[in-house]
């Protein structure tokens, strides 16, 4: 039994939706971080933010 892959247009649409959801999640996390008291972020949050900004901008931050 073989299964066929979804059409290219459907894959693109799924990718765009996933990307949109990821972008919204990153923005929500950044807003949360900006509303915290001044100071250093916990290391895990700092690393998450650095990675997401690197992915978003296309260069290392």
PDB file of N, CA and C in Angstrom:
ATOM      1  N   UNK A   1       0.848  -1.179   0.000  1.00  0.00           N
ATOM      2  CA  UNK A   1       0.000   0.000   0.000  1.00  0.00           C
ATOM      3  C   UNK A   1       0.894   1.242   0.000  1.00  0.00           C
ATOM      4  N   UNK A   2       0.648   2.127  -0.899  1.00  0.00           N
ATOM      5  CA  UNK A   2       1.425   3.361  -0.973  1.00  0.00           C
ATOM      6  C   UNK A   2       0.522   4.537  -0.657  1.00  0.00           C
ATOM      7  N   UNK A   3       1.131   5.528  -0.091  1.00  0.00           N
ATOM      8  CA  UNK A   3       0.399   6.763   0.174  1.00  0.00           C
ATOM      9  C   UNK A   3       1.019   7.850  -0.672  1.00  0.00           C
ATOM     10  N   UNK A   4       0.191   8.713  -1.145  1.00  0.00           N
ATOM     11  CA  UNK A   4       0.716   9.800  -1.969  1.00  0.00           C
ATOM     12  C   UNK A   4       0.948  11.025  -1.107  1.00  0.00           C
ATOM     13  N   UNK A   5       1.953  11.778  -1.482  1.00  0.00           N
ATOM     14  CA  UNK A   5       2.279  13.012  -0.770  1.00  0.00           C
ATOM     15  C   UNK A   5       1.251  14.078  -1.123  1.00  0.00           C
ATOM     16  N   UNK A   6       1.003  15.001  -0.209  1.00  0.00           N
ATOM     17  CA  UNK A   6       0.083  16.098  -0.525  1.00  0.00           C
ATOM     18  C   UNK A   6       0.614  16.917  -1.700  1.00  0.00           C
ATOM     19  N   UNK A   7      -0.270  17.511  -2.471  1.00  0.00           N
ATOM     20  CA  UNK A   7       0.176  18.361  -3.586  1.00  0.00           C
ATOM     21  C   UNK A   7       1.071  19.491  -3.089  1.00  0.00           C
ATOM     22  N   UNK A   8       1.927  19.963  -3.972  1.00  0.00           N
ATOM     23  CA  UNK A   8       2.875  21.018  -3.623  1.00  0.00           C
ATOM     24  C   UNK A   8       2.169  22.248  -3.067  1.00  0.00           C
ATOM     25  N   UNK A   9       1.051  22.651  -3.669  1.00  0.00           N
ATOM     26  CA  UNK A   9       0.321  23.827  -3.181  1.00  0.00           C
ATOM     27  C   UNK A   9      -0.153  23.626  -1.745  1.00  0.00           C
ATOM     28  N   UNK A  10      -0.601  22.427  -1.447  1.00  0.00           N
ATOM     29  CA  UNK A  10      -1.068  22.136  -0.093  1.00  0.00           C
ATOM     30  C   UNK A  10       0.097  22.176   0.895  1.00  0.00           C
ATOM     31  N   UNK A  11       1.244  21.637   0.494  1.00  0.00           N
ATOM     32  CA  UNK A  11       2.425  21.691   1.358  1.00  0.00           C
ATOM     33  C   UNK A  11       2.845  23.132   1.616  1.00  0.00           C
ATOM     34  N   UNK A  12       2.830  23.944   0.569  1.00  0.00           N
ATOM     35  CA  UNK A  12       3.202  25.356   0.718  1.00  0.00           C
ATOM     36  C   UNK A  12       2.239  26.053   1.677  1.00  0.00           C
ATOM     37  N   UNK A  13       0.958  25.781   1.527  1.00  0.00           N
ATOM     38  CA  UNK A  13      -0.047  26.401   2.391  1.00  0.00           C
ATOM     39  C   UNK A  13       0.159  25.979   3.851  1.00  0.00           C
ATOM     40  N   UNK A  14       0.475  24.697   4.055  1.00  0.00           N
ATOM     41  CA  UNK A  14       0.733  24.203   5.410  1.00  0.00           C
ATOM     42  C   UNK A  14       1.973  24.874   5.991  1.00  0.00           C
ATOM     43  N   UNK A  15       3.010  25.043   5.178  1.00  0.00           N
ATOM     44  CA  UNK A  15       4.243  25.698   5.624  1.00  0.00           C
ATOM     45  C   UNK A  15       3.969  27.150   5.999  1.00  0.00           C
ATOM     46  N   UNK A  16       3.217  27.851   5.165  1.00  0.00           N
ATOM     47  CA  UNK A  16       2.905  29.258   5.430  1.00  0.00           C
ATOM     48  C   UNK A  16       2.129  29.379   6.737  1.00  0.00           C
ATOM     49  N   UNK A  17       1.160  28.495   6.953  1.00  0.00           N
ATOM     50  CA  UNK A  17       0.373  28.539   8.182  1.00  0.00           C
ATOM     51  C   UNK A  17       1.251  28.254   9.396  1.00  0.00           C
ATOM     52  N   UNK A  18       2.120  27.266   9.295  1.00  0.00           N
ATOM     53  CA  UNK A  18       3.026  26.949  10.393  1.00  0.00           C
ATOM     54  C   UNK A  18       3.954  28.124  10.672  1.00  0.00           C
ATOM     55  N   UNK A  19       4.491  28.713   9.619  1.00  0.00           N
ATOM     56  CA  UNK A  19       5.374  29.862   9.776  1.00  0.00           C
ATOM     57  C   UNK A  19       4.637  31.020  10.446  1.00  0.00           C
ATOM     58  N   UNK A  20       3.402  31.251  10.046  1.00  0.00           N
ATOM     59  CA  UNK A  20       2.587  32.323  10.633  1.00  0.00           C
ATOM     60  C   UNK A  20       2.374  32.061  12.128  1.00  0.00           C
ATOM     61  N   UNK A  21       2.068  30.816  12.471  1.00  0.00           N
ATOM     62  CA  UNK A  21       1.853  30.464  13.875  1.00  0.00           C
ATOM     63  C   UNK A  21       3.139  30.614  14.685  1.00  0.00           C
ATOM     64  N   UNK A  22       4.263  30.193  14.110  1.00  0.00           N
ATOM     65  CA  UNK A  22       5.550  30.337  14.794  1.00  0.00           C
ATOM     66  C   UNK A  22       5.885  31.803  15.008  1.00  0.00           C
ATOM     67  N   UNK A  23       5.659  32.619  13.995  1.00  0.00           N
ATOM     68  CA  UNK A  23       5.937  34.053  14.090  1.00  0.00           C
ATOM     69  C   UNK A  23       5.093  34.671  15.207  1.00  0.00           C
ATOM     70  N   UNK A  24       3.819  34.318  15.245  1.00  0.00           N
ATOM     71  CA  UNK A  24       2.935  34.855  16.282  1.00  0.00           C
ATOM     72  C   UNK A  24       3.408  34.422  17.669  1.00  0.00           C
ATOM     73  N   UNK A  25       3.847  33.174  17.796  1.00  0.00           N
ATOM     74  CA  UNK A  25       4.330  32.677  19.086  1.00  0.00           C
ATOM     75  C   UNK A  25       5.597  33.410  19.519  1.00  0.00           C
ATOM     76  N   UNK A  26       6.501  33.649  18.576  1.00  0.00           N
ATOM     77  CA  UNK A  26       7.741  34.373  18.888  1.00  0.00           C
ATOM     78  C   UNK A  26       7.418  35.797  19.321  1.00  0.00           C
ATOM     79  N   UNK A  27       6.539  36.462  18.595  1.00  0.00           N
ATOM     80  CA  UNK A  27       6.175  37.834  18.944  1.00  0.00           C
ATOM     81  C   UNK A  27       5.511  37.892  20.319  1.00  0.00           C
ATOM     82  N   UNK A  28       4.656  36.928  20.605  1.00  0.00           N
ATOM     83  CA  UNK A  28       3.993  36.881  21.911  1.00  0.00           C
ATOM     84  C   UNK A  28       5.028  36.712  23.030  1.00  0.00           C
ATOM     85  N   UNK A  29       5.995  35.838  22.811  1.00  0.00           N
ATOM     86  CA  UNK A  29       7.050  35.610  23.808  1.00  0.00           C
ATOM     87  C   UNK A  29       7.888  36.876  24.001  1.00  0.00           C
ATOM     88  N   UNK A  30       8.194  37.583  22.909  1.00  0.00           N
ATOM     89  CA  UNK A  30       8.989  38.809  23.022  1.00  0.00           C
ATOM     90  C   UNK A  30       8.220  39.888  23.774  1.00  0.00           C
ATOM     91  N   UNK A  31       6.924  39.991  23.541  1.00  0.00           N
ATOM     92  CA  UNK A  31       6.108  40.967  24.269  1.00  0.00           C
ATOM     93  C   UNK A  31       6.128  40.641  25.760  1.00  0.00           C
ATOM     94  N   UNK A  32       5.988  39.353  26.095  1.00  0.00           N
ATOM     95  CA  UNK A  32       6.053  38.947  27.503  1.00  0.00           C
ATOM     96  C   UNK A  32       7.378  39.368  28.129  1.00  0.00           C
ATOM     97  N   UNK A  33       8.456  39.166  27.394  1.00  0.00           N
ATOM     98  CA  UNK A  33       9.787  39.490  27.922  1.00  0.00           C
ATOM     99  C   UNK A  33       9.971  40.987  28.120  1.00  0.00           C
ATOM    100  N   UNK A  34       9.396  41.793  27.250  1.00  0.00           N
ATOM    101  CA  UNK A  34       9.561  43.243  27.376  1.00  0.00           C
ATOM    102  C   UNK A  34       8.749  43.809  28.531  1.00  0.00           C
ATOM    103  N   UNK A  35       7.773  43.060  29.013  1.00  0.00           N
ATOM    104  CA  UNK A  35       6.946  43.535  30.117  1.00  0.00           C
ATOM    105  C   UNK A  35       7.488  43.109  31.481  1.00  0.00           C
ATOM    106  N   UNK A  36       8.613  42.404  31.478  1.00  0.00           N
ATOM    107  CA  UNK A  36       9.242  41.994  32.733  1.00  0.00           C
ATOM    108  C   UNK A  36      10.071  43.151  33.286  1.00  0.00           C
ATOM    109  N   UNK A  37      10.354  43.107  34.584  1.00  0.00           N
ATOM    110  CA  UNK A  37      11.224  44.138  35.165  1.00  0.00           C
ATOM    111  C   UNK A  37      12.592  44.140  34.476  1.00  0.00           C
ATOM    112  N   UNK A  38      13.236  45.287  34.491  1.00  0.00           N
ATOM    113  CA  UNK A  38      14.561  45.400  33.867  1.00  0.00           C
ATOM    114  C   UNK A  38      15.538  44.436  34.522  1.00  0.00           C
ATOM    115  N   UNK A  39      16.453  43.942  33.724  1.00  0.00           N
ATOM    116  CA  UNK A  39      17.467  43.015  34.233  1.00  0.00           C
ATOM    117  C   UNK A  39      17.720  41.916  33.226  1.00  0.00           C
ATOM    118  N   UNK A  40      18.508  40.961  33.639  1.00  0.00           N
ATOM    119  CA  UNK A  40      18.847  39.850  32.757  1.00  0.00           C
ATOM    120  C   UNK A  40      17.706  38.842  32.711  1.00  0.00           C
ATOM    121  N   UNK A  41      17.519  38.261  31.532  1.00  0.00           N
ATOM    122  CA  UNK A  41      16.547  37.189  31.381  1.00  0.00           C
ATOM    123  C   UNK A  41      17.147  35.894  31.913  1.00  0.00           C
ATOM    124  N   UNK A  42      16.289  34.967  32.315  1.00  0.00           N
ATOM    125  CA  UNK A  42      16.817  33.637  32.625  1.00  0.00           C
ATOM    126  C   UNK A  42      17.535  33.086  31.388  1.00  0.00           C
ATOM    127  N   UNK A  43      18.582  32.313  31.592  1.00  0.00           N
ATOM    128  CA  UNK A  43      19.429  31.835  30.492  1.00  0.00           C
ATOM    129  C   UNK A  43      18.612  31.138  29.408  1.00  0.00           C
ATOM    130  N   UNK A  44      17.644  30.303  29.790  1.00  0.00           N
ATOM    131  CA  UNK A  44      16.838  29.583  28.802  1.00  0.00           C
ATOM    132  C   UNK A  44      16.039  30.556  27.936  1.00  0.00           C
ATOM    133  N   UNK A  45      15.441  31.579  28.541  1.00  0.00           N
ATOM    134  CA  UNK A  45      14.688  32.577  27.778  1.00  0.00           C
ATOM    135  C   UNK A  45      15.609  33.378  26.869  1.00  0.00           C
ATOM    136  N   UNK A  46      16.790  33.704  27.373  1.00  0.00           N
ATOM    137  CA  UNK A  46      17.761  34.453  26.575  1.00  0.00           C
ATOM    138  C   UNK A  46      18.177  33.654  25.339  1.00  0.00           C
ATOM    139  N   UNK A  47      18.453  32.369  25.539  1.00  0.00           N
ATOM    140  CA  UNK A  47      18.864  31.522  24.416  1.00  0.00           C
ATOM    141  C   UNK A  47      17.727  31.357  23.410  1.00  0.00           C
ATOM    142  N   UNK A  48      16.492  31.196  23.907  1.00  0.00           N
ATOM    143  CA  UNK A  48      15.320  31.080  23.033  1.00  0.00           C
ATOM    144  C   UNK A  48      15.171  32.336  22.184  1.00  0.00           C
ATOM    145  N   UNK A  49      15.244  33.481  22.829  1.00  0.00           N
ATOM    146  CA  UNK A  49      15.083  34.751  22.128  1.00  0.00           C
ATOM    147  C   UNK A  49      16.182  34.951  21.091  1.00  0.00           C
ATOM    148  N   UNK A  50      17.414  34.649  21.447  1.00  0.00           N
ATOM    149  CA  UNK A  50      18.522  34.781  20.497  1.00  0.00           C
ATOM    150  C   UNK A  50      18.299  33.906  19.271  1.00  0.00           C
ATOM    151  N   UNK A  51      17.878  32.653  19.488  1.00  0.00           N
ATOM    152  CA  UNK A  51      17.666  31.738  18.367  1.00  0.00           C
ATOM    153  C   UNK A  51      16.517  32.209  17.485  1.00  0.00           C
ATOM    154  N   UNK A  52      15.430  32.641  18.100  1.00  0.00           N
ATOM    155  CA  UNK A  52      14.275  33.077  17.315  1.00  0.00           C
ATOM    156  C   UNK A  52      14.587  34.341  16.514  1.00  0.00           C
ATOM    157  N   UNK A  53      15.312  35.279  17.118  1.00  0.00           N
ATOM    158  CA  UNK A  53      15.687  36.494  16.392  1.00  0.00           C
ATOM    159  C   UNK A  53      16.662  36.176  15.263  1.00  0.00           C
ATOM    160  N   UNK A  54      17.579  35.238  15.498  1.00  0.00           N
ATOM    161  CA  UNK A  54      18.501  34.815  14.444  1.00  0.00           C
ATOM    162  C   UNK A  54      17.724  34.228  13.276  1.00  0.00           C
ATOM    163  N   UNK A  55      16.756  33.359  13.572  1.00  0.00           N
ATOM    164  CA  UNK A  55      15.934  32.764  12.514  1.00  0.00           C
ATOM    165  C   UNK A  55      15.107  33.828  11.797  1.00  0.00           C
ATOM    166  N   UNK A  56      14.556  34.752  12.550  1.00  0.00           N
ATOM    167  CA  UNK A  56      13.696  35.791  11.988  1.00  0.00           C
ATOM    168  C   UNK A  56      14.464  36.744  11.081  1.00  0.00           C
ATOM    169  N   UNK A  57      15.636  37.193  11.539  1.00  0.00           N
ATOM    170  CA  UNK A  57      16.403  38.179  10.784  1.00  0.00           C
ATOM    171  C   UNK A  57      17.354  37.571   9.767  1.00  0.00           C
ATOM    172  N   UNK A  58      17.691  36.300   9.943  1.00  0.00           N
ATOM    173  CA  UNK A  58      18.585  35.650   8.994  1.00  0.00           C
ATOM    174  C   UNK A  58      20.058  35.889   9.272  1.00  0.00           C
ATOM    175  N   UNK A  59      20.385  36.428  10.440  1.00  0.00           N
ATOM    176  CA  UNK A  59      21.781  36.583  10.842  1.00  0.00           C
ATOM    177  C   UNK A  59      21.855  36.410  12.352  1.00  0.00           C
ATOM    178  N   UNK A  60      23.052  36.058  12.833  1.00  0.00           N
ATOM    179  CA  UNK A  60      23.224  35.786  14.255  1.00  0.00           C
ATOM    180  C   UNK A  60      23.145  37.066  15.073  1.00  0.00           C
ATOM    181  N   UNK A  61      22.375  37.006  16.164  1.00  0.00           N
ATOM    182  CA  UNK A  61      22.267  38.155  17.074  1.00  0.00           C
ATOM    183  C   UNK A  61      22.965  37.848  18.372  1.00  0.00           C
TER     184      UNK A  61
END
